[in-house]
Amino acid sequence: MKAWLVWLLLVVLTLLTWWAGCAGYSGQWLVAALLISVFVKGHFVIADFMGLRGVAMRWRLLVHGWLVLVIGLIFLAYWIGV
């Protein structure tokens, strides 16, 4: 994917997150949506800006696994705190 298009997607997702916070939205559905957007942004950073789109599958799985682990721990901390 072209870098400027990925950058635009990252900016739009970040602005939507900012807007949701400023609008005062809250709740479990919002947390789930934000964590999904974090995964999407992380995927595109890994694939396009870190240059892992064309490398061996094991490297992509390793880095994506790290991303899923971090997002999972954030979700777990939120779930414990609720």
N, C-alpha and C. Protein backbone atom coordinates (compact mmCIF):
# COMPACT_ATOMS: atom_id res chain seq x y z
N MET A 1 0.85 -1.17 0.00
CA MET A 1 0.00 0.00 0.00
C MET A 1 0.90 1.23 0.00
N LYS A 2 0.44 2.27 -0.61
CA LYS A 2 1.24 3.49 -0.69
C LYS A 2 1.37 4.13 0.69
N ALA A 3 2.56 4.66 0.96
CA ALA A 3 2.85 5.21 2.29
C ALA A 3 1.93 6.37 2.65
N TRP A 4 1.60 7.22 1.70
CA TRP A 4 0.75 8.38 2.02
C TRP A 4 -0.66 7.93 2.37
N LEU A 5 -1.14 6.83 1.75
CA LEU A 5 -2.47 6.33 2.05
C LEU A 5 -2.50 5.70 3.45
N VAL A 6 -1.44 4.97 3.78
CA VAL A 6 -1.33 4.40 5.12
C VAL A 6 -1.25 5.51 6.15
N TRP A 7 -0.45 6.53 5.87
CA TRP A 7 -0.34 7.67 6.78
C TRP A 7 -1.70 8.33 6.99
N LEU A 8 -2.45 8.50 5.92
CA LEU A 8 -3.78 9.12 6.01
C LEU A 8 -4.71 8.27 6.88
N LEU A 9 -4.67 6.95 6.69
CA LEU A 9 -5.48 6.07 7.53
C LEU A 9 -5.10 6.19 8.99
N LEU A 10 -3.81 6.22 9.28
CA LEU A 10 -3.35 6.37 10.67
C LEU A 10 -3.82 7.68 11.27
N VAL A 11 -3.75 8.75 10.51
CA VAL A 11 -4.21 10.05 11.00
C VAL A 11 -5.71 10.03 11.26
N VAL A 12 -6.48 9.47 10.33
CA VAL A 12 -7.94 9.43 10.50
C VAL A 12 -8.32 8.63 11.73
N LEU A 13 -7.71 7.46 11.92
CA LEU A 13 -8.02 6.65 13.10
C LEU A 13 -7.61 7.37 14.40
N THR A 14 -6.49 8.06 14.36
CA THR A 14 -6.06 8.82 15.54
C THR A 14 -7.02 9.96 15.84
N LEU A 15 -7.46 10.67 14.81
CA LEU A 15 -8.41 11.77 15.02
C LEU A 15 -9.77 11.27 15.51
N LEU A 16 -10.20 10.10 15.04
CA LEU A 16 -11.44 9.53 15.55
C LEU A 16 -11.32 9.18 17.03
N THR A 17 -10.18 8.67 17.42
CA THR A 17 -9.93 8.38 18.84
C THR A 17 -9.97 9.66 19.66
N TRP A 18 -9.31 10.68 19.17
CA TRP A 18 -9.28 11.97 19.87
C TRP A 18 -10.70 12.54 19.97
N TRP A 19 -11.46 12.47 18.88
CA TRP A 19 -12.81 13.00 18.86
C TRP A 19 -13.70 12.26 19.87
N ALA A 20 -13.57 10.95 19.95
CA ALA A 20 -14.38 10.17 20.89
C ALA A 20 -14.07 10.58 22.33
N GLY A 21 -12.80 10.85 22.61
CA GLY A 21 -12.44 11.29 23.95
C GLY A 21 -12.96 12.68 24.26
N CYS A 22 -12.85 13.58 23.31
CA CYS A 22 -13.34 14.95 23.53
C CYS A 22 -14.85 15.01 23.63
N ALA A 23 -15.54 14.11 22.93
CA ALA A 23 -17.00 14.09 22.96
C ALA A 23 -17.53 13.45 24.24
N GLY A 24 -16.65 12.85 25.00
CA GLY A 24 -17.05 12.26 26.27
C GLY A 24 -17.65 10.87 26.17
N TYR A 25 -17.45 10.21 25.04
CA TYR A 25 -17.96 8.85 24.90
C TYR A 25 -17.18 7.91 25.81
N SER A 26 -17.87 6.90 26.28
CA SER A 26 -17.22 5.90 27.13
C SER A 26 -17.99 4.60 27.01
N GLY A 27 -17.47 3.58 27.61
CA GLY A 27 -18.15 2.30 27.62
C GLY A 27 -17.31 1.21 27.00
N GLN A 28 -17.79 0.00 27.20
CA GLN A 28 -17.04 -1.15 26.73
C GLN A 28 -16.98 -1.22 25.21
N TRP A 29 -18.04 -0.80 24.53
CA TRP A 29 -18.02 -0.83 23.07
C TRP A 29 -16.96 0.10 22.52
N LEU A 30 -16.78 1.24 23.18
CA LEU A 30 -15.76 2.19 22.73
C LEU A 30 -14.36 1.64 22.97
N VAL A 31 -14.15 1.02 24.10
CA VAL A 31 -12.85 0.42 24.39
C VAL A 31 -12.53 -0.66 23.36
N ALA A 32 -13.51 -1.48 23.03
CA ALA A 32 -13.30 -2.53 22.02
C ALA A 32 -12.97 -1.89 20.66
N ALA A 33 -13.71 -0.86 20.28
CA ALA A 33 -13.45 -0.20 19.00
C ALA A 33 -12.07 0.44 18.97
N LEU A 34 -11.66 1.04 20.08
CA LEU A 34 -10.35 1.68 20.13
C LEU A 34 -9.24 0.65 20.07
N LEU A 35 -9.42 -0.48 20.74
CA LEU A 35 -8.38 -1.52 20.67
C LEU A 35 -8.30 -2.14 19.28
N ILE A 36 -9.42 -2.24 18.60
CA ILE A 36 -9.40 -2.71 17.22
C ILE A 36 -8.66 -1.71 16.34
N SER A 37 -8.93 -0.42 16.55
CA SER A 37 -8.23 0.60 15.76
C SER A 37 -6.74 0.59 16.07
N VAL A 38 -6.37 0.31 17.31
CA VAL A 38 -4.95 0.21 17.67
C VAL A 38 -4.31 -0.97 16.93
N PHE A 39 -5.03 -2.09 16.83
CA PHE A 39 -4.49 -3.23 16.09
C PHE A 39 -4.33 -2.88 14.61
N VAL A 40 -5.32 -2.24 14.03
CA VAL A 40 -5.25 -1.87 12.61
C VAL A 40 -4.07 -0.93 12.38
N LYS A 41 -3.93 0.08 13.24
CA LYS A 41 -2.81 1.01 13.09
C LYS A 41 -1.48 0.29 13.28
N GLY A 42 -1.41 -0.58 14.26
CA GLY A 42 -0.18 -1.35 14.50
C GLY A 42 0.17 -2.24 13.32
N HIS A 43 -0.85 -2.86 12.74
CA HIS A 43 -0.60 -3.71 11.58
C HIS A 43 0.02 -2.92 10.44
N PHE A 44 -0.53 -1.76 10.13
CA PHE A 44 -0.01 -0.98 9.02
C PHE A 44 1.37 -0.40 9.32
N VAL A 45 1.63 -0.05 10.55
CA VAL A 45 2.98 0.40 10.90
C VAL A 45 3.97 -0.75 10.72
N ILE A 46 3.59 -1.92 11.20
CA ILE A 46 4.46 -3.10 11.06
C ILE A 46 4.69 -3.44 9.60
N ALA A 47 3.62 -3.49 8.84
CA ALA A 47 3.72 -3.94 7.45
C ALA A 47 4.40 -2.92 6.55
N ASP A 48 4.04 -1.67 6.68
CA ASP A 48 4.49 -0.67 5.71
C ASP A 48 5.66 0.18 6.19
N PHE A 49 5.61 0.67 7.40
CA PHE A 49 6.67 1.56 7.85
C PHE A 49 7.87 0.80 8.41
N MET A 50 7.64 -0.39 8.95
CA MET A 50 8.76 -1.22 9.39
C MET A 50 9.26 -2.11 8.26
N GLY A 51 8.53 -2.15 7.16
CA GLY A 51 8.96 -2.88 5.99
C GLY A 51 8.85 -4.39 6.10
N LEU A 52 7.90 -4.89 6.90
CA LEU A 52 7.79 -6.33 7.08
C LEU A 52 6.75 -6.97 6.17
N ARG A 53 6.20 -6.22 5.23
CA ARG A 53 5.16 -6.77 4.37
C ARG A 53 5.70 -7.92 3.51
N GLY A 54 6.91 -7.83 3.04
CA GLY A 54 7.42 -8.84 2.12
C GLY A 54 8.41 -9.81 2.72
N VAL A 55 8.54 -9.86 4.03
CA VAL A 55 9.53 -10.75 4.64
C VAL A 55 8.89 -12.08 5.01
N ALA A 56 9.70 -12.98 5.53
CA ALA A 56 9.22 -14.31 5.89
C ALA A 56 8.09 -14.22 6.93
N MET A 57 7.16 -15.16 6.80
CA MET A 57 5.97 -15.17 7.66
C MET A 57 6.32 -15.21 9.14
N ARG A 58 7.38 -15.92 9.51
CA ARG A 58 7.72 -16.03 10.94
C ARG A 58 8.04 -14.68 11.56
N TRP A 59 8.66 -13.77 10.81
CA TRP A 59 8.97 -12.45 11.35
C TRP A 59 7.71 -11.61 11.52
N ARG A 60 6.82 -11.70 10.55
CA ARG A 60 5.56 -10.97 10.67
C ARG A 60 4.74 -11.50 11.83
N LEU A 61 4.70 -12.83 11.97
CA LEU A 61 3.94 -13.41 13.08
C LEU A 61 4.55 -13.03 14.43
N LEU A 62 5.85 -12.98 14.50
CA LEU A 62 6.52 -12.59 15.75
C LEU A 62 6.12 -11.18 16.16
N VAL A 63 6.20 -10.24 15.23
CA VAL A 63 5.91 -8.85 15.57
C VAL A 63 4.41 -8.65 15.79
N HIS A 64 3.58 -9.30 14.97
CA HIS A 64 2.14 -9.20 15.18
C HIS A 64 1.73 -9.88 16.49
N GLY A 65 2.41 -10.95 16.84
CA GLY A 65 2.14 -11.60 18.13
C GLY A 65 2.44 -10.68 19.29
N TRP A 66 3.52 -9.93 19.18
CA TRP A 66 3.85 -8.95 20.21
C TRP A 66 2.73 -7.91 20.30
N LEU A 67 2.25 -7.46 19.16
CA LEU A 67 1.17 -6.47 19.13
C LEU A 67 -0.10 -7.02 19.79
N VAL A 68 -0.46 -8.24 19.47
CA VAL A 68 -1.64 -8.87 20.06
C VAL A 68 -1.45 -9.04 21.57
N LEU A 69 -0.25 -9.40 21.99
CA LEU A 69 0.02 -9.54 23.42
C LEU A 69 -0.16 -8.22 24.16
N VAL A 70 0.38 -7.15 23.62
CA VAL A 70 0.25 -5.84 24.26
C VAL A 70 -1.21 -5.40 24.32
N ILE A 71 -1.92 -5.55 23.21
CA ILE A 71 -3.34 -5.16 23.19
C ILE A 71 -4.13 -6.04 24.15
N GLY A 72 -3.81 -7.32 24.19
CA GLY A 72 -4.49 -8.22 25.12
C GLY A 72 -4.25 -7.85 26.57
N LEU A 73 -3.03 -7.45 26.90
CA LEU A 73 -2.74 -7.02 28.28
C LEU A 73 -3.47 -5.72 28.62
N ILE A 74 -3.57 -4.83 27.67
CA ILE A 74 -4.33 -3.60 27.90
C ILE A 74 -5.80 -3.93 28.14
N PHE A 75 -6.36 -4.83 27.32
CA PHE A 75 -7.74 -5.25 27.51
C PHE A 75 -7.93 -5.92 28.86
N LEU A 76 -6.99 -6.78 29.25
CA LEU A 76 -7.08 -7.46 30.53
C LEU A 76 -7.05 -6.46 31.69
N ALA A 77 -6.18 -5.47 31.60
CA ALA A 77 -6.13 -4.46 32.66
C ALA A 77 -7.44 -3.68 32.73
N TYR A 78 -8.02 -3.37 31.58
CA TYR A 78 -9.32 -2.68 31.56
C TYR A 78 -10.39 -3.56 32.16
N TRP A 79 -10.44 -4.84 31.78
CA TRP A 79 -11.46 -5.75 32.25
C TRP A 79 -11.37 -5.98 33.76
N ILE A 80 -10.15 -6.06 34.28
CA ILE A 80 -9.97 -6.23 35.72
C ILE A 80 -10.43 -4.98 36.47
N GLY A 81 -10.20 -3.83 35.86
CA GLY A 81 -10.57 -2.57 36.51
C GLY A 81 -12.05 -2.24 36.47
N VAL A 82 -12.80 -2.94 35.63
CA VAL A 82 -14.23 -2.64 35.51
C VAL A 82 -15.00 -3.22 36.64
